[in-house]
Amino acid sequence: MDVEIIGKGRDHILEIGEWLDSKMPNPPLPDPQRWTLGYNEDGSRIGVRFLSERDALHFMMRWSE
């Protein structure tokens, strides 16, 4: 599930990354990652791709405006 980071989230990208690392740590590679933070192909949007819908919903509850 993809979640676009808009508004306040875009200004706090480092904080979001740190929060994800502490609350939803990824397993060591090469295991599938719970989440991936990045830009879309043209670089115009920042988002998080989640492996689990539950993780995505938890993230959205914390970072919604």
C-alpha atoms as a PDB file:
ATOM      1  CA  MET A   1       0.000   0.000   0.000  1.00  0.00           C
ATOM      2  CA  ASP A   2       1.386   3.410  -0.961  1.00  0.00           C
ATOM      3  CA  VAL A   3       0.891   6.456   1.263  1.00  0.00           C
ATOM      4  CA  GLU A   4       1.706   9.897  -0.112  1.00  0.00           C
ATOM      5  CA  ILE A   5       3.258  12.326   2.348  1.00  0.00           C
ATOM      6  CA  ILE A   6       1.669  15.741   1.991  1.00  0.00           C
ATOM      7  CA  GLY A   7       1.530  18.936   3.987  1.00  0.00           C
ATOM      8  CA  LYS A   8       3.205  18.729   7.374  1.00  0.00           C
ATOM      9  CA  GLY A   9       4.726  15.338   6.596  1.00  0.00           C
ATOM     10  CA  ARG A  10       6.775  16.686   3.691  1.00  0.00           C
ATOM     11  CA  ASP A  11       8.422  19.215   6.034  1.00  0.00           C
ATOM     12  CA  HIS A  12       9.269  16.488   8.539  1.00  0.00           C
ATOM     13  CA  ILE A  13      10.693  13.756   6.280  1.00  0.00           C
ATOM     14  CA  LEU A  14      13.676  13.049   8.570  1.00  0.00           C
ATOM     15  CA  GLU A  15      11.399  12.821  11.595  1.00  0.00           C
ATOM     16  CA  ILE A  16       9.138  10.432   9.690  1.00  0.00           C
ATOM     17  CA  GLY A  17      12.095   8.236   8.744  1.00  0.00           C
ATOM     18  CA  GLU A  18      13.297   8.115  12.352  1.00  0.00           C
ATOM     19  CA  TRP A  19       9.789   7.305  13.574  1.00  0.00           C
ATOM     20  CA  LEU A  20       9.469   4.480  11.047  1.00  0.00           C
ATOM     21  CA  ASP A  21      12.871   3.104  12.085  1.00  0.00           C
ATOM     22  CA  SER A  22      11.898   3.062  15.760  1.00  0.00           C
ATOM     23  CA  LYS A  23       8.224   2.000  15.541  1.00  0.00           C
ATOM     24  CA  MET A  24       8.268  -0.223  12.448  1.00  0.00           C
ATOM     25  CA  PRO A  25      11.835  -1.414  11.978  1.00  0.00           C
ATOM     26  CA  ASN A  26      12.660  -3.163   8.740  1.00  0.00           C
ATOM     27  CA  PRO A  27      14.183  -6.633   8.909  1.00  0.00           C
ATOM     28  CA  PRO A  28      17.753  -7.100   7.680  1.00  0.00           C
ATOM     29  CA  LEU A  29      18.191  -7.358   3.921  1.00  0.00           C
ATOM     30  CA  PRO A  30      17.557  -9.435   1.821  1.00  0.00           C
ATOM     31  CA  ASP A  31      14.238 -10.039   3.660  1.00  0.00           C
ATOM     32  CA  PRO A  32      11.236  -8.094   2.331  1.00  0.00           C
ATOM     33  CA  GLN A  33      11.138  -4.610   3.840  1.00  0.00           C
ATOM     34  CA  ARG A  34       8.084  -3.499   5.849  1.00  0.00           C
ATOM     35  CA  TRP A  35       8.299  -0.028   4.341  1.00  0.00           C
ATOM     36  CA  THR A  36      10.287   2.010   1.835  1.00  0.00           C
ATOM     37  CA  LEU A  37      10.497   5.815   1.968  1.00  0.00           C
ATOM     38  CA  GLY A  38      11.174   7.677  -1.240  1.00  0.00           C
ATOM     39  CA  TYR A  39      10.147   9.827  -4.170  1.00  0.00           C
ATOM     40  CA  ASN A  40       8.017   8.828  -7.121  1.00  0.00           C
ATOM     41  CA  GLU A  41       9.625   8.451 -10.542  1.00  0.00           C
ATOM     42  CA  ASP A  42       9.523  12.134 -11.492  1.00  0.00           C
ATOM     43  CA  GLY A  43      10.577  13.302  -8.012  1.00  0.00           C
ATOM     44  CA  SER A  44       7.466  15.383  -7.444  1.00  0.00           C
ATOM     45  CA  ARG A  45       5.966  13.408  -4.552  1.00  0.00           C
ATOM     46  CA  ILE A  46       7.301  11.809  -1.396  1.00  0.00           C
ATOM     47  CA  GLY A  47       5.687   8.654  -0.154  1.00  0.00           C
ATOM     48  CA  VAL A  48       6.003   5.461   1.815  1.00  0.00           C
ATOM     49  CA  ARG A  49       5.328   2.027   0.330  1.00  0.00           C
ATOM     50  CA  PHE A  50       4.160  -0.453   2.963  1.00  0.00           C
ATOM     51  CA  LEU A  51       4.171  -4.214   2.674  1.00  0.00           C
ATOM     52  CA  SER A  52       1.285  -4.461   5.151  1.00  0.00           C
ATOM     53  CA  GLU A  53      -1.982  -2.549   5.100  1.00  0.00           C
ATOM     54  CA  ARG A  54      -1.960  -2.643   8.915  1.00  0.00           C
ATOM     55  CA  ASP A  55       1.400  -0.838   9.013  1.00  0.00           C
ATOM     56  CA  ALA A  56       0.109   1.720   6.510  1.00  0.00           C
ATOM     57  CA  LEU A  57      -2.971   2.431   8.631  1.00  0.00           C
ATOM     58  CA  HIS A  58      -0.859   2.771  11.790  1.00  0.00           C
ATOM     59  CA  PHE A  59       1.386   5.237   9.966  1.00  0.00           C
ATOM     60  CA  MET A  60      -1.555   7.244   8.607  1.00  0.00           C
ATOM     61  CA  MET A  61      -3.110   7.516  12.079  1.00  0.00           C
ATOM     62  CA  ARG A  62       0.124   8.954  13.463  1.00  0.00           C
ATOM     63  CA  TRP A  63       0.996  11.309  10.600  1.00  0.00           C
ATOM     64  CA  SER A  64      -2.417  12.559   9.486  1.00  0.00           C
ATOM     65  CA  GLU A  65      -2.992  16.290   9.871  1.00  0.00           C
END
